[in-house]
Amino acid sequence: MPRKRFLRYAFTRKGIAENAPYLIKDHESVTELYRISGEGCYWMRVRTVDQEALTAFLDELLKYGNYRVNLDMGQIK
């Protein structure tokens, strides 16, 4: 079963932020994508089948900026 990962992402290359939704919104692993205030530019929910798929997705994101990953430990409500 795919695990849920929550990512905060900040684009660090000039000119990329305007195109961010187009770069990642169509990726098969991204199930939700929001523009946010505060730390980071975007918040996304990502589902991957395994750690290797997550690593490949994160390697792609690193071309454009930095990210922070939080893992779903279990739903409370």
PDB file of N, CA and C in Angstrom:
ATOM      1  N   MET A   1       0.845  -1.184   0.000  1.00  0.00           N
ATOM      2  CA  MET A   1       0.000   0.000   0.000  1.00  0.00           C
ATOM      3  C   MET A   1       0.889   1.246   0.000  1.00  0.00           C
ATOM      4  N   PRO A   2       0.576   2.225  -0.862  1.00  0.00           N
ATOM      5  CA  PRO A   2       1.384   3.438  -0.914  1.00  0.00           C
ATOM      6  C   PRO A   2       1.336   4.203   0.402  1.00  0.00           C
ATOM      7  N   ARG A   3       2.472   4.770   0.798  1.00  0.00           N
ATOM      8  CA  ARG A   3       2.556   5.615   1.989  1.00  0.00           C
ATOM      9  C   ARG A   3       2.320   7.051   1.604  1.00  0.00           C
ATOM     10  N   LYS A   4       1.709   7.815   2.517  1.00  0.00           N
ATOM     11  CA  LYS A   4       1.498   9.240   2.287  1.00  0.00           C
ATOM     12  C   LYS A   4       2.713  10.002   2.794  1.00  0.00           C
ATOM     13  N   ARG A   5       3.168  10.931   2.001  1.00  0.00           N
ATOM     14  CA  ARG A   5       4.235  11.825   2.408  1.00  0.00           C
ATOM     15  C   ARG A   5       3.727  13.245   2.220  1.00  0.00           C
ATOM     16  N   PHE A   6       4.106  14.118   3.119  1.00  0.00           N
ATOM     17  CA  PHE A   6       3.715  15.507   3.030  1.00  0.00           C
ATOM     18  C   PHE A   6       4.988  16.310   2.804  1.00  0.00           C
ATOM     19  N   LEU A   7       5.006  17.126   1.770  1.00  0.00           N
ATOM     20  CA  LEU A   7       6.199  17.876   1.408  1.00  0.00           C
ATOM     21  C   LEU A   7       5.923  19.369   1.451  1.00  0.00           C
ATOM     22  N   ARG A   8       6.866  20.117   2.005  1.00  0.00           N
ATOM     23  CA  ARG A   8       6.894  21.561   1.835  1.00  0.00           C
ATOM     24  C   ARG A   8       8.035  21.827   0.884  1.00  0.00           C
ATOM     25  N   TYR A   9       7.801  22.682  -0.074  1.00  0.00           N
ATOM     26  CA  TYR A   9       8.774  22.862  -1.133  1.00  0.00           C
ATOM     27  C   TYR A   9       9.002  24.337  -1.399  1.00  0.00           C
ATOM     28  N   ALA A  10      10.262  24.735  -1.521  1.00  0.00           N
ATOM     29  CA  ALA A  10      10.628  26.111  -1.844  1.00  0.00           C
ATOM     30  C   ALA A  10      11.482  26.106  -3.103  1.00  0.00           C
ATOM     31  N   PHE A  11      11.017  26.785  -4.125  1.00  0.00           N
ATOM     32  CA  PHE A  11      11.793  26.908  -5.355  1.00  0.00           C
ATOM     33  C   PHE A  11      12.889  27.935  -5.134  1.00  0.00           C
ATOM     34  N   THR A  12      14.101  27.613  -5.526  1.00  0.00           N
ATOM     35  CA  THR A  12      15.235  28.506  -5.296  1.00  0.00           C
ATOM     36  C   THR A  12      15.810  29.068  -6.584  1.00  0.00           C
ATOM     37  N   ARG A  13      15.374  28.594  -7.720  1.00  0.00           N
ATOM     38  CA  ARG A  13      15.866  29.120  -8.992  1.00  0.00           C
ATOM     39  C   ARG A  13      14.904  30.174  -9.514  1.00  0.00           C
ATOM     40  N   LYS A  14      15.435  31.325  -9.902  1.00  0.00           N
ATOM     41  CA  LYS A  14      14.607  32.416 -10.408  1.00  0.00           C
ATOM     42  C   LYS A  14      13.826  31.977 -11.635  1.00  0.00           C
ATOM     43  N   GLY A  15      12.592  32.442 -11.713  1.00  0.00           N
ATOM     44  CA  GLY A  15      11.745  32.134 -12.852  1.00  0.00           C
ATOM     45  C   GLY A  15      11.023  30.800 -12.742  1.00  0.00           C
ATOM     46  N   ILE A  16      11.399  29.969 -11.788  1.00  0.00           N
ATOM     47  CA  ILE A  16      10.779  28.650 -11.650  1.00  0.00           C
ATOM     48  C   ILE A  16       9.468  28.746 -10.876  1.00  0.00           C
ATOM     49  N   ALA A  17       9.398  29.600  -9.864  1.00  0.00           N
ATOM     50  CA  ALA A  17       8.220  29.659  -8.997  1.00  0.00           C
ATOM     51  C   ALA A  17       6.934  29.918  -9.780  1.00  0.00           C
ATOM     52  N   GLU A  18       7.007  30.757 -10.808  1.00  0.00           N
ATOM     53  CA  GLU A  18       5.813  31.053 -11.586  1.00  0.00           C
ATOM     54  C   GLU A  18       5.304  29.818 -12.330  1.00  0.00           C
ATOM     55  N   ASN A  19       6.211  28.918 -12.669  1.00  0.00           N
ATOM     56  CA  ASN A  19       5.859  27.722 -13.431  1.00  0.00           C
ATOM     57  C   ASN A  19       5.725  26.481 -12.557  1.00  0.00           C
ATOM     58  N   ALA A  20       5.864  26.628 -11.256  1.00  0.00           N
ATOM     59  CA  ALA A  20       5.884  25.488 -10.348  1.00  0.00           C
ATOM     60  C   ALA A  20       4.706  24.543 -10.500  1.00  0.00           C
ATOM     61  N   PRO A  21       3.481  25.059 -10.501  1.00  0.00           N
ATOM     62  CA  PRO A  21       2.363  24.114 -10.610  1.00  0.00           C
ATOM     63  C   PRO A  21       2.432  23.275 -11.874  1.00  0.00           C
ATOM     64  N   TYR A  22       2.935  23.843 -12.957  1.00  0.00           N
ATOM     65  CA  TYR A  22       3.014  23.113 -14.215  1.00  0.00           C
ATOM     66  C   TYR A  22       4.118  22.064 -14.188  1.00  0.00           C
ATOM     67  N   LEU A  23       5.135  22.275 -13.354  1.00  0.00           N
ATOM     68  CA  LEU A  23       6.235  21.322 -13.269  1.00  0.00           C
ATOM     69  C   LEU A  23       5.870  20.091 -12.449  1.00  0.00           C
ATOM     70  N   ILE A  24       5.021  20.257 -11.427  1.00  0.00           N
ATOM     71  CA  ILE A  24       4.769  19.143 -10.511  1.00  0.00           C
ATOM     72  C   ILE A  24       3.321  18.693 -10.433  1.00  0.00           C
ATOM     73  N   LYS A  25       2.364  19.515 -10.857  1.00  0.00           N
ATOM     74  CA  LYS A  25       0.961  19.144 -10.659  1.00  0.00           C
ATOM     75  C   LYS A  25       0.550  17.904 -11.431  1.00  0.00           C
ATOM     76  N   ASP A  26       1.188  17.639 -12.546  1.00  0.00           N
ATOM     77  CA  ASP A  26       0.820  16.476 -13.351  1.00  0.00           C
ATOM     78  C   ASP A  26       1.615  15.218 -13.007  1.00  0.00           C
ATOM     79  N   HIS A  27       2.506  15.320 -12.030  1.00  0.00           N
ATOM     80  CA  HIS A  27       3.279  14.138 -11.633  1.00  0.00           C
ATOM     81  C   HIS A  27       2.341  13.116 -10.995  1.00  0.00           C
ATOM     82  N   GLU A  28       2.470  11.865 -11.352  1.00  0.00           N
ATOM     83  CA  GLU A  28       1.552  10.822 -10.882  1.00  0.00           C
ATOM     84  C   GLU A  28       1.545  10.644  -9.367  1.00  0.00           C
ATOM     85  N   SER A  29       2.623  10.986  -8.683  1.00  0.00           N
ATOM     86  CA  SER A  29       2.690  10.807  -7.232  1.00  0.00           C
ATOM     87  C   SER A  29       2.022  11.931  -6.453  1.00  0.00           C
ATOM     88  N   VAL A  30       1.830  13.094  -7.062  1.00  0.00           N
ATOM     89  CA  VAL A  30       1.263  14.248  -6.371  1.00  0.00           C
ATOM     90  C   VAL A  30      -0.261  14.142  -6.385  1.00  0.00           C
ATOM     91  N   THR A  31      -0.855  14.018  -5.187  1.00  0.00           N
ATOM     92  CA  THR A  31      -2.305  13.895  -5.090  1.00  0.00           C
ATOM     93  C   THR A  31      -2.973  15.203  -4.697  1.00  0.00           C
ATOM     94  N   GLU A  32      -2.230  16.108  -4.041  1.00  0.00           N
ATOM     95  CA  GLU A  32      -2.742  17.433  -3.686  1.00  0.00           C
ATOM     96  C   GLU A  32      -1.586  18.421  -3.788  1.00  0.00           C
ATOM     97  N   LEU A  33      -1.902  19.661  -4.171  1.00  0.00           N
ATOM     98  CA  LEU A  33      -0.880  20.688  -4.302  1.00  0.00           C
ATOM     99  C   LEU A  33      -1.489  22.029  -3.927  1.00  0.00           C
ATOM    100  N   TYR A  34      -0.845  22.726  -2.989  1.00  0.00           N
ATOM    101  CA  TYR A  34      -1.326  24.020  -2.513  1.00  0.00           C
ATOM    102  C   TYR A  34      -0.190  25.031  -2.514  1.00  0.00           C
ATOM    103  N   ARG A  35      -0.487  26.266  -2.871  1.00  0.00           N
ATOM    104  CA  ARG A  35       0.451  27.368  -2.686  1.00  0.00           C
ATOM    105  C   ARG A  35       0.249  27.842  -1.255  1.00  0.00           C
ATOM    106  N   ILE A  36       1.345  28.046  -0.510  1.00  0.00           N
ATOM    107  CA  ILE A  36       1.230  28.361   0.909  1.00  0.00           C
ATOM    108  C   ILE A  36       2.031  29.608   1.268  1.00  0.00           C
ATOM    109  N   SER A  37       1.724  30.154   2.447  1.00  0.00           N
ATOM    110  CA  SER A  37       2.520  31.239   3.007  1.00  0.00           C
ATOM    111  C   SER A  37       3.469  30.639   4.038  1.00  0.00           C
ATOM    112  N   GLY A  38       4.424  31.444   4.494  1.00  0.00           N
ATOM    113  CA  GLY A  38       5.360  30.964   5.500  1.00  0.00           C
ATOM    114  C   GLY A  38       6.522  30.225   4.872  1.00  0.00           C
ATOM    115  N   GLU A  39       7.016  29.237   5.573  1.00  0.00           N
ATOM    116  CA  GLU A  39       8.171  28.478   5.112  1.00  0.00           C
ATOM    117  C   GLU A  39       7.792  27.615   3.912  1.00  0.00           C
ATOM    118  N   GLY A  40       8.476  27.825   2.829  1.00  0.00           N
ATOM    119  CA  GLY A  40       8.198  27.075   1.611  1.00  0.00           C
ATOM    120  C   GLY A  40       7.255  27.837   0.695  1.00  0.00           C
ATOM    121  N   CYS A  41       7.126  27.373  -0.511  1.00  0.00           N
ATOM    122  CA  CYS A  41       6.229  27.994  -1.502  1.00  0.00           C
ATOM    123  C   CYS A  41       4.988  27.140  -1.725  1.00  0.00           C
ATOM    124  N   TYR A  42       5.162  25.825  -1.633  1.00  0.00           N
ATOM    125  CA  TYR A  42       4.079  24.888  -1.932  1.00  0.00           C
ATOM    126  C   TYR A  42       4.050  23.781  -0.893  1.00  0.00           C
ATOM    127  N   TRP A  43       2.840  23.266  -0.669  1.00  0.00           N
ATOM    128  CA  TRP A  43       2.641  22.087   0.166  1.00  0.00           C
ATOM    129  C   TRP A  43       1.985  21.059  -0.734  1.00  0.00           C
ATOM    130  N   MET A  44       2.505  19.855  -0.692  1.00  0.00           N
ATOM    131  CA  MET A  44       1.905  18.814  -1.520  1.00  0.00           C
ATOM    132  C   MET A  44       1.795  17.506  -0.755  1.00  0.00           C
ATOM    133  N   ARG A  45       0.789  16.748  -1.091  1.00  0.00           N
ATOM    134  CA  ARG A  45       0.630  15.396  -0.579  1.00  0.00           C
ATOM    135  C   ARG A  45       1.066  14.467  -1.696  1.00  0.00           C
ATOM    136  N   VAL A  46       1.946  13.558  -1.357  1.00  0.00           N
ATOM    137  CA  VAL A  46       2.540  12.663  -2.343  1.00  0.00           C
ATOM    138  C   VAL A  46       2.332  11.227  -1.888  1.00  0.00           C
ATOM    139  N   ARG A  47       1.941  10.367  -2.796  1.00  0.00           N
ATOM    140  CA  ARG A  47       1.828   8.929  -2.512  1.00  0.00           C
ATOM    141  C   ARG A  47       2.777   8.194  -3.449  1.00  0.00           C
ATOM    142  N   THR A  48       3.638   7.406  -2.869  1.00  0.00           N
ATOM    143  CA  THR A  48       4.563   6.605  -3.667  1.00  0.00           C
ATOM    144  C   THR A  48       4.461   5.145  -3.261  1.00  0.00           C
ATOM    145  N   VAL A  49       4.783   4.263  -4.184  1.00  0.00           N
ATOM    146  CA  VAL A  49       4.658   2.833  -3.903  1.00  0.00           C
ATOM    147  C   VAL A  49       5.770   2.327  -3.010  1.00  0.00           C
ATOM    148  N   ASP A  50       6.930   3.002  -3.053  1.00  0.00           N
ATOM    149  CA  ASP A  50       8.046   2.571  -2.216  1.00  0.00           C
ATOM    150  C   ASP A  50       9.047   3.716  -2.049  1.00  0.00           C
ATOM    151  N   GLN A  51      10.052   3.469  -1.257  1.00  0.00           N
ATOM    152  CA  GLN A  51      11.069   4.476  -0.966  1.00  0.00           C
ATOM    153  C   GLN A  51      11.838   4.880  -2.222  1.00  0.00           C
ATOM    154  N   GLU A  52      12.077   3.941  -3.122  1.00  0.00           N
ATOM    155  CA  GLU A  52      12.813   4.249  -4.345  1.00  0.00           C
ATOM    156  C   GLU A  52      12.034   5.245  -5.205  1.00  0.00           C
ATOM    157  N   ALA A  53      10.720   5.095  -5.280  1.00  0.00           N
ATOM    158  CA  ALA A  53       9.892   6.032  -6.044  1.00  0.00           C
ATOM    159  C   ALA A  53       9.913   7.419  -5.405  1.00  0.00           C
ATOM    160  N   LEU A  54       9.884   7.472  -4.077  1.00  0.00           N
ATOM    161  CA  LEU A  54       9.967   8.755  -3.387  1.00  0.00           C
ATOM    162  C   LEU A  54      11.323   9.406  -3.655  1.00  0.00           C
ATOM    163  N   THR A  55      12.379   8.644  -3.562  1.00  0.00           N
ATOM    164  CA  THR A  55      13.719   9.175  -3.804  1.00  0.00           C
ATOM    165  C   THR A  55      13.849   9.734  -5.220  1.00  0.00           C
ATOM    166  N   ALA A  56      13.307   9.039  -6.191  1.00  0.00           N
ATOM    167  CA  ALA A  56      13.360   9.509  -7.582  1.00  0.00           C
ATOM    168  C   ALA A  56      12.597  10.825  -7.725  1.00  0.00           C
ATOM    169  N   PHE A  57      11.431  10.942  -7.089  1.00  0.00           N
ATOM    170  CA  PHE A  57      10.657  12.170  -7.147  1.00  0.00           C
ATOM    171  C   PHE A  57      11.404  13.319  -6.476  1.00  0.00           C
ATOM    172  N   LEU A  58      11.992  13.055  -5.308  1.00  0.00           N
ATOM    173  CA  LEU A  58      12.732  14.089  -4.598  1.00  0.00           C
ATOM    174  C   LEU A  58      13.969  14.529  -5.366  1.00  0.00           C
ATOM    175  N   ASP A  59      14.640  13.590  -6.023  1.00  0.00           N
ATOM    176  CA  ASP A  59      15.797  13.948  -6.855  1.00  0.00           C
ATOM    177  C   ASP A  59      15.390  14.900  -7.973  1.00  0.00           C
ATOM    178  N   GLU A  60      14.207  14.691  -8.531  1.00  0.00           N
ATOM    179  CA  GLU A  60      13.700  15.589  -9.580  1.00  0.00           C
ATOM    180  C   GLU A  60      13.415  16.978  -9.005  1.00  0.00           C
ATOM    181  N   LEU A  61      12.810  17.035  -7.801  1.00  0.00           N
ATOM    182  CA  LEU A  61      12.525  18.322  -7.170  1.00  0.00           C
ATOM    183  C   LEU A  61      13.791  19.101  -6.852  1.00  0.00           C
ATOM    184  N   LEU A  62      14.857  18.412  -6.490  1.00  0.00           N
ATOM    185  CA  LEU A  62      16.106  19.081  -6.123  1.00  0.00           C
ATOM    186  C   LEU A  62      16.708  19.897  -7.263  1.00  0.00           C
ATOM    187  N   LYS A  63      16.306  19.644  -8.479  1.00  0.00           N
ATOM    188  CA  LYS A  63      16.796  20.419  -9.613  1.00  0.00           C
ATOM    189  C   LYS A  63      16.321  21.863  -9.537  1.00  0.00           C
ATOM    190  N   TYR A  64      15.218  22.103  -8.805  1.00  0.00           N
ATOM    191  CA  TYR A  64      14.580  23.419  -8.795  1.00  0.00           C
ATOM    192  C   TYR A  64      14.548  24.094  -7.431  1.00  0.00           C
ATOM    193  N   GLY A  65      14.752  23.349  -6.353  1.00  0.00           N
ATOM    194  CA  GLY A  65      14.683  23.965  -5.037  1.00  0.00           C
ATOM    195  C   GLY A  65      14.887  22.961  -3.925  1.00  0.00           C
ATOM    196  N   ASN A  66      14.449  23.348  -2.728  1.00  0.00           N
ATOM    197  CA  ASN A  66      14.622  22.522  -1.532  1.00  0.00           C
ATOM    198  C   ASN A  66      13.275  22.049  -1.011  1.00  0.00           C
ATOM    199  N   TYR A  67      13.291  20.952  -0.288  1.00  0.00           N
ATOM    200  CA  TYR A  67      12.056  20.389   0.243  1.00  0.00           C
ATOM    201  C   TYR A  67      12.249  19.916   1.677  1.00  0.00           C
ATOM    202  N   ARG A  68      11.129  19.697   2.354  1.00  0.00           N
ATOM    203  CA  ARG A  68      11.109  19.075   3.676  1.00  0.00           C
ATOM    204  C   ARG A  68      10.023  18.011   3.632  1.00  0.00           C
ATOM    205  N   VAL A  69      10.337  16.804   4.051  1.00  0.00           N
ATOM    206  CA  VAL A  69       9.408  15.680   3.995  1.00  0.00           C
ATOM    207  C   VAL A  69       8.912  15.350   5.395  1.00  0.00           C
ATOM    208  N   ASN A  70       7.602  15.140   5.514  1.00  0.00           N
ATOM    209  CA  ASN A  70       6.987  14.607   6.727  1.00  0.00           C
ATOM    210  C   ASN A  70       6.228  13.362   6.337  1.00  0.00           C
ATOM    211  N   LEU A  71       6.361  12.310   7.136  1.00  0.00           N
ATOM    212  CA  LEU A  71       5.684  11.050   6.855  1.00  0.00           C
ATOM    213  C   LEU A  71       4.418  10.922   7.692  1.00  0.00           C
ATOM    214  N   ASP A  72       3.433  10.308   7.110  1.00  0.00           N
ATOM    215  CA  ASP A  72       2.186   9.982   7.798  1.00  0.00           C
ATOM    216  C   ASP A  72       2.460   8.817   8.746  1.00  0.00           C
ATOM    217  N   MET A  73       2.316   9.053  10.036  1.00  0.00           N
ATOM    218  CA  MET A  73       2.543   8.008  11.035  1.00  0.00           C
ATOM    219  C   MET A  73       1.266   7.269  11.386  1.00  0.00           C
ATOM    220  N   GLY A  74       0.133   7.846  11.054  1.00  0.00           N
ATOM    221  CA  GLY A  74      -1.159   7.233  11.346  1.00  0.00           C
ATOM    222  C   GLY A  74      -2.224   8.297  11.481  1.00  0.00           C
ATOM    223  N   GLN A  75      -3.395   8.024  10.929  1.00  0.00           N
ATOM    224  CA  GLN A  75      -4.486   8.997  10.971  1.00  0.00           C
ATOM    225  C   GLN A  75      -5.147   8.959  12.331  1.00  0.00           C
ATOM    226  N   ILE A  76      -5.415  10.131  12.900  1.00  0.00           N
ATOM    227  CA  ILE A  76      -6.043  10.231  14.213  1.00  0.00           C
ATOM    228  C   ILE A  76      -7.539  10.453  14.088  1.00  0.00           C
ATOM    229  N   LYS A  77      -7.925  11.234  13.099  1.00  0.00           N
ATOM    230  CA  LYS A  77      -9.356  11.499  12.916  1.00  0.00           C
ATOM    231  C   LYS A  77      -9.713  11.352  11.457  1.00  0.00           C
TER     232      LYS A  77
END
